[in-house]
Amino acid sequence: MAEAEEVQYPNNPIVPPAPAQVGPLAQVAPPAQVAPPGQVAPPAQEPQVPAAVPNEQRDVESVQPENYETLKNEVEELRTLRALTQTVDGTIEKILD
């Protein structure tokens, strides 16, 4: 078998590629500064409602201002009904005894 001959074409000579152009090195930012543990702000927390505040009062305080008066009146009515119910229950117990 005959060896392959290297053929030169006059209109398309084989030219080695030019070396790649290398730009300046990129600037690297310095590492981020980390605050010492004592200076880190604590995570934000929801405000805590004291346990002594009745549930219905917390509910009334957390609604929109336009609904506040309506709910406040309803809560007062419920408290009145609760007091009346306890009074009636007490009266019934006395009658039954």
N, C-alpha and C. Protein backbone atom coordinates (compact mmCIF):
# COMPACT_ATOMS: atom_id res chain seq x y z
N MET A 1 0.84 -1.16 0.00
CA MET A 1 0.00 0.00 0.00
C MET A 1 0.89 1.23 0.00
N ALA A 2 0.50 2.19 -0.77
CA ALA A 2 1.32 3.39 -0.92
C ALA A 2 1.03 4.36 0.20
N GLU A 3 2.08 5.06 0.64
CA GLU A 3 1.90 6.06 1.68
C GLU A 3 1.21 7.28 1.11
N ALA A 4 0.40 7.93 1.95
CA ALA A 4 -0.32 9.11 1.50
C ALA A 4 0.66 10.26 1.34
N GLU A 5 0.51 10.97 0.24
CA GLU A 5 1.37 12.13 0.01
C GLU A 5 0.71 13.37 0.59
N GLU A 6 1.54 14.28 1.11
CA GLU A 6 1.01 15.53 1.60
C GLU A 6 0.89 16.45 0.40
N VAL A 7 -0.33 16.88 0.16
CA VAL A 7 -0.58 17.69 -1.02
C VAL A 7 -0.71 19.14 -0.59
N GLN A 8 0.01 20.02 -1.25
CA GLN A 8 -0.07 21.45 -0.99
C GLN A 8 -0.95 22.08 -2.05
N TYR A 9 -1.92 22.87 -1.62
CA TYR A 9 -2.79 23.58 -2.55
C TYR A 9 -2.33 25.04 -2.57
N PRO A 10 -2.02 25.57 -3.73
CA PRO A 10 -1.48 26.93 -3.79
C PRO A 10 -2.47 27.99 -3.30
N ASN A 11 -3.76 27.81 -3.50
CA ASN A 11 -4.74 28.82 -3.08
C ASN A 11 -5.15 28.66 -1.61
N ASN A 12 -4.80 27.55 -0.99
CA ASN A 12 -5.20 27.29 0.40
C ASN A 12 -4.04 26.65 1.14
N PRO A 13 -3.00 27.44 1.43
CA PRO A 13 -1.84 26.84 2.09
C PRO A 13 -2.18 26.47 3.54
N ILE A 14 -1.53 25.46 4.05
CA ILE A 14 -1.73 25.05 5.44
C ILE A 14 -0.88 25.96 6.31
N VAL A 15 -1.56 26.73 7.14
CA VAL A 15 -0.88 27.70 7.99
C VAL A 15 -1.24 27.37 9.44
N PRO A 16 -0.24 27.31 10.30
CA PRO A 16 -0.57 27.03 11.70
C PRO A 16 -1.38 28.21 12.28
N PRO A 17 -2.28 27.91 13.21
CA PRO A 17 -3.10 28.98 13.78
C PRO A 17 -2.24 29.95 14.61
N ALA A 18 -2.68 31.19 14.63
CA ALA A 18 -1.97 32.20 15.41
C ALA A 18 -2.23 31.95 16.89
N PRO A 19 -1.28 32.29 17.73
CA PRO A 19 -1.51 32.09 19.16
C PRO A 19 -2.68 32.95 19.65
N ALA A 20 -3.44 32.42 20.61
CA ALA A 20 -4.61 33.13 21.13
C ALA A 20 -4.16 34.37 21.89
N GLN A 21 -4.93 35.43 21.73
CA GLN A 21 -4.65 36.66 22.46
C GLN A 21 -5.19 36.52 23.88
N VAL A 22 -4.35 36.77 24.85
CA VAL A 22 -4.74 36.65 26.25
C VAL A 22 -4.83 38.05 26.84
N GLY A 23 -6.00 38.36 27.41
CA GLY A 23 -6.20 39.68 28.02
C GLY A 23 -5.61 39.72 29.41
N PRO A 24 -5.72 40.88 30.06
CA PRO A 24 -5.21 40.98 31.43
C PRO A 24 -6.02 40.09 32.37
N LEU A 25 -5.41 39.68 33.44
CA LEU A 25 -6.10 38.83 34.42
C LEU A 25 -7.24 39.59 35.07
N ALA A 26 -8.31 38.88 35.33
CA ALA A 26 -9.48 39.50 35.97
C ALA A 26 -9.14 39.86 37.41
N GLN A 27 -9.72 40.98 37.86
CA GLN A 27 -9.52 41.39 39.24
C GLN A 27 -10.46 40.59 40.13
N VAL A 28 -9.95 40.03 41.19
CA VAL A 28 -10.75 39.23 42.12
C VAL A 28 -11.05 40.09 43.34
N ALA A 29 -12.33 40.11 43.72
CA ALA A 29 -12.75 40.89 44.88
C ALA A 29 -12.19 40.25 46.15
N PRO A 30 -11.85 41.07 47.14
CA PRO A 30 -11.36 40.49 48.40
C PRO A 30 -12.49 39.73 49.08
N PRO A 31 -12.17 38.79 49.96
CA PRO A 31 -13.23 38.03 50.64
C PRO A 31 -14.11 38.96 51.47
N ALA A 32 -15.37 38.59 51.59
CA ALA A 32 -16.34 39.39 52.35
C ALA A 32 -15.94 39.42 53.82
N GLN A 33 -16.15 40.56 54.43
CA GLN A 33 -15.86 40.70 55.85
C GLN A 33 -17.02 40.13 56.65
N VAL A 34 -16.72 39.31 57.61
CA VAL A 34 -17.75 38.69 58.45
C VAL A 34 -17.68 39.33 59.83
N ALA A 35 -18.84 39.77 60.31
CA ALA A 35 -18.89 40.41 61.63
C ALA A 35 -18.65 39.36 62.71
N PRO A 36 -17.97 39.76 63.78
CA PRO A 36 -17.80 38.81 64.90
C PRO A 36 -19.15 38.41 65.46
N PRO A 37 -19.25 37.23 66.07
CA PRO A 37 -20.55 36.74 66.54
C PRO A 37 -21.29 37.69 67.46
N GLY A 38 -20.60 38.49 68.26
CA GLY A 38 -21.27 39.39 69.18
C GLY A 38 -21.97 40.55 68.49
N GLN A 39 -21.62 40.84 67.24
CA GLN A 39 -22.19 42.00 66.55
C GLN A 39 -23.29 41.63 65.56
N VAL A 40 -23.66 40.39 65.51
CA VAL A 40 -24.71 39.97 64.59
C VAL A 40 -26.07 40.31 65.19
N ALA A 41 -26.92 40.93 64.39
CA ALA A 41 -28.26 41.30 64.88
C ALA A 41 -29.10 40.04 65.07
N PRO A 42 -29.90 39.99 66.12
CA PRO A 42 -30.76 38.81 66.32
C PRO A 42 -31.85 38.78 65.26
N PRO A 43 -32.37 37.61 64.93
CA PRO A 43 -33.42 37.53 63.92
C PRO A 43 -34.69 38.24 64.39
N ALA A 44 -35.40 38.81 63.43
CA ALA A 44 -36.65 39.52 63.77
C ALA A 44 -37.67 38.52 64.28
N GLN A 45 -38.43 38.93 65.28
CA GLN A 45 -39.44 38.05 65.85
C GLN A 45 -40.78 38.76 65.88
N GLU A 46 -41.83 37.98 65.85
CA GLU A 46 -43.18 38.53 65.99
C GLU A 46 -43.34 39.05 67.42
N PRO A 47 -44.03 40.16 67.60
CA PRO A 47 -44.25 40.62 68.98
C PRO A 47 -45.10 39.61 69.74
N GLN A 48 -44.70 39.35 70.96
CA GLN A 48 -45.41 38.37 71.77
C GLN A 48 -46.55 39.05 72.53
N VAL A 49 -47.72 38.42 72.51
CA VAL A 49 -48.87 38.93 73.24
C VAL A 49 -48.85 38.30 74.62
N PRO A 50 -48.97 39.11 75.67
CA PRO A 50 -48.96 38.53 77.02
C PRO A 50 -50.08 37.52 77.20
N ALA A 51 -49.81 36.49 77.97
CA ALA A 51 -50.80 35.43 78.18
C ALA A 51 -52.00 35.92 78.97
N ALA A 52 -51.85 37.02 79.73
CA ALA A 52 -52.95 37.51 80.56
C ALA A 52 -54.05 38.17 79.74
N VAL A 53 -53.76 38.50 78.46
CA VAL A 53 -54.77 39.16 77.62
C VAL A 53 -55.75 38.09 77.13
N PRO A 54 -57.05 38.27 77.37
CA PRO A 54 -58.03 37.28 76.90
C PRO A 54 -57.99 37.15 75.38
N ASN A 55 -58.32 35.94 74.89
CA ASN A 55 -58.28 35.68 73.45
C ASN A 55 -59.14 36.64 72.67
N GLU A 56 -60.36 36.91 73.16
CA GLU A 56 -61.25 37.78 72.39
C GLU A 56 -60.69 39.19 72.28
N GLN A 57 -59.97 39.66 73.30
CA GLN A 57 -59.38 41.00 73.23
C GLN A 57 -58.27 41.03 72.20
N ARG A 58 -57.43 39.98 72.15
CA ARG A 58 -56.38 39.92 71.13
C ARG A 58 -56.98 39.91 69.74
N ASP A 59 -58.07 39.16 69.56
CA ASP A 59 -58.72 39.10 68.26
C ASP A 59 -59.25 40.46 67.85
N VAL A 60 -59.84 41.18 68.78
CA VAL A 60 -60.40 42.50 68.48
C VAL A 60 -59.28 43.47 68.12
N GLU A 61 -58.18 43.42 68.84
CA GLU A 61 -57.10 44.37 68.59
C GLU A 61 -56.38 44.11 67.27
N SER A 62 -56.47 42.90 66.74
CA SER A 62 -55.72 42.58 65.52
C SER A 62 -56.50 42.83 64.24
N VAL A 63 -57.75 43.24 64.29
CA VAL A 63 -58.55 43.45 63.08
C VAL A 63 -58.39 44.88 62.58
N GLN A 64 -58.98 45.14 61.41
CA GLN A 64 -58.93 46.47 60.81
C GLN A 64 -59.63 47.48 61.72
N PRO A 65 -59.17 48.74 61.71
CA PRO A 65 -59.76 49.75 62.60
C PRO A 65 -61.26 49.95 62.40
N GLU A 66 -61.75 49.85 61.16
CA GLU A 66 -63.19 50.08 60.94
C GLU A 66 -64.03 48.97 61.57
N ASN A 67 -63.46 47.79 61.77
CA ASN A 67 -64.19 46.69 62.38
C ASN A 67 -64.00 46.63 63.90
N TYR A 68 -63.10 47.44 64.40
CA TYR A 68 -62.75 47.37 65.82
C TYR A 68 -63.95 47.64 66.72
N GLU A 69 -64.66 48.73 66.45
CA GLU A 69 -65.79 49.09 67.31
C GLU A 69 -66.89 48.02 67.26
N THR A 70 -67.17 47.51 66.05
CA THR A 70 -68.20 46.49 65.91
C THR A 70 -67.84 45.25 66.73
N LEU A 71 -66.62 44.79 66.57
CA LEU A 71 -66.19 43.59 67.30
C LEU A 71 -66.12 43.86 68.81
N LYS A 72 -65.70 45.05 69.17
CA LYS A 72 -65.64 45.39 70.60
C LYS A 72 -67.03 45.30 71.22
N ASN A 73 -68.04 45.81 70.50
CA ASN A 73 -69.42 45.73 71.00
C ASN A 73 -69.89 44.28 71.09
N GLU A 74 -69.55 43.47 70.08
CA GLU A 74 -69.95 42.07 70.09
C GLU A 74 -69.30 41.33 71.26
N VAL A 75 -68.05 41.64 71.54
CA VAL A 75 -67.36 41.00 72.67
C VAL A 75 -68.04 41.37 73.98
N GLU A 76 -68.42 42.63 74.12
CA GLU A 76 -69.12 43.05 75.35
C GLU A 76 -70.46 42.31 75.49
N GLU A 77 -71.17 42.15 74.37
CA GLU A 77 -72.44 41.40 74.42
C GLU A 77 -72.20 39.96 74.84
N LEU A 78 -71.14 39.34 74.29
CA LEU A 78 -70.84 37.96 74.66
C LEU A 78 -70.48 37.84 76.14
N ARG A 79 -69.74 38.81 76.64
CA ARG A 79 -69.40 38.78 78.07
C ARG A 79 -70.66 38.91 78.93
N THR A 80 -71.57 39.78 78.49
CA THR A 80 -72.83 39.95 79.23
C THR A 80 -73.63 38.66 79.21
N LEU A 81 -73.71 38.03 78.02
CA LEU A 81 -74.44 36.76 77.91
C LEU A 81 -73.80 35.68 78.78
N ARG A 82 -72.47 35.65 78.82
CA ARG A 82 -71.78 34.66 79.64
C ARG A 82 -72.13 34.88 81.12
N ALA A 83 -72.12 36.14 81.55
CA ALA A 83 -72.45 36.44 82.95
C ALA A 83 -73.89 36.06 83.26
N LEU A 84 -74.81 36.36 82.33
CA LEU A 84 -76.21 36.00 82.54
C LEU A 84 -76.39 34.49 82.59
N THR A 85 -75.69 33.78 81.71
CA THR A 85 -75.78 32.32 81.69
C THR A 85 -75.30 31.74 83.02
N GLN A 86 -74.19 32.27 83.52
CA GLN A 86 -73.69 31.78 84.81
C GLN A 86 -74.68 32.08 85.93
N THR A 87 -75.32 33.24 85.86
CA THR A 87 -76.32 33.59 86.88
C THR A 87 -77.51 32.65 86.81
N VAL A 88 -77.99 32.39 85.58
CA VAL A 88 -79.13 31.48 85.41
C VAL A 88 -78.75 30.08 85.87
N ASP A 89 -77.56 29.62 85.49
CA ASP A 89 -77.12 28.29 85.92
C ASP A 89 -77.07 28.20 87.44
N GLY A 90 -76.57 29.27 88.07
CA GLY A 90 -76.52 29.28 89.54
C GLY A 90 -77.91 29.25 90.15
N THR A 91 -78.84 29.98 89.54
CA THR A 91 -80.22 30.00 90.04
C THR A 91 -80.87 28.63 89.88
N ILE A 92 -80.66 27.99 88.74
CA ILE A 92 -81.24 26.65 88.50
C ILE A 92 -80.69 25.66 89.52
N GLU A 93 -79.39 25.73 89.78
CA GLU A 93 -78.79 24.82 90.77
C GLU A 93 -79.41 25.02 92.15
N LYS A 94 -79.65 26.29 92.51
CA LYS A 94 -80.25 26.57 93.82
C LYS A 94 -81.67 26.02 93.89
N ILE A 95 -82.42 26.15 92.79
CA ILE A 95 -83.80 25.64 92.76
C ILE A 95 -83.79 24.13 92.88
N LEU A 96 -82.88 23.48 92.17
CA LEU A 96 -82.83 22.02 92.18
C LEU A 96 -82.32 21.47 93.51
N ASP A 97 -81.56 22.23 94.23
CA ASP A 97 -81.03 21.75 95.52
C ASP A 97 -82.05 21.79 96.57
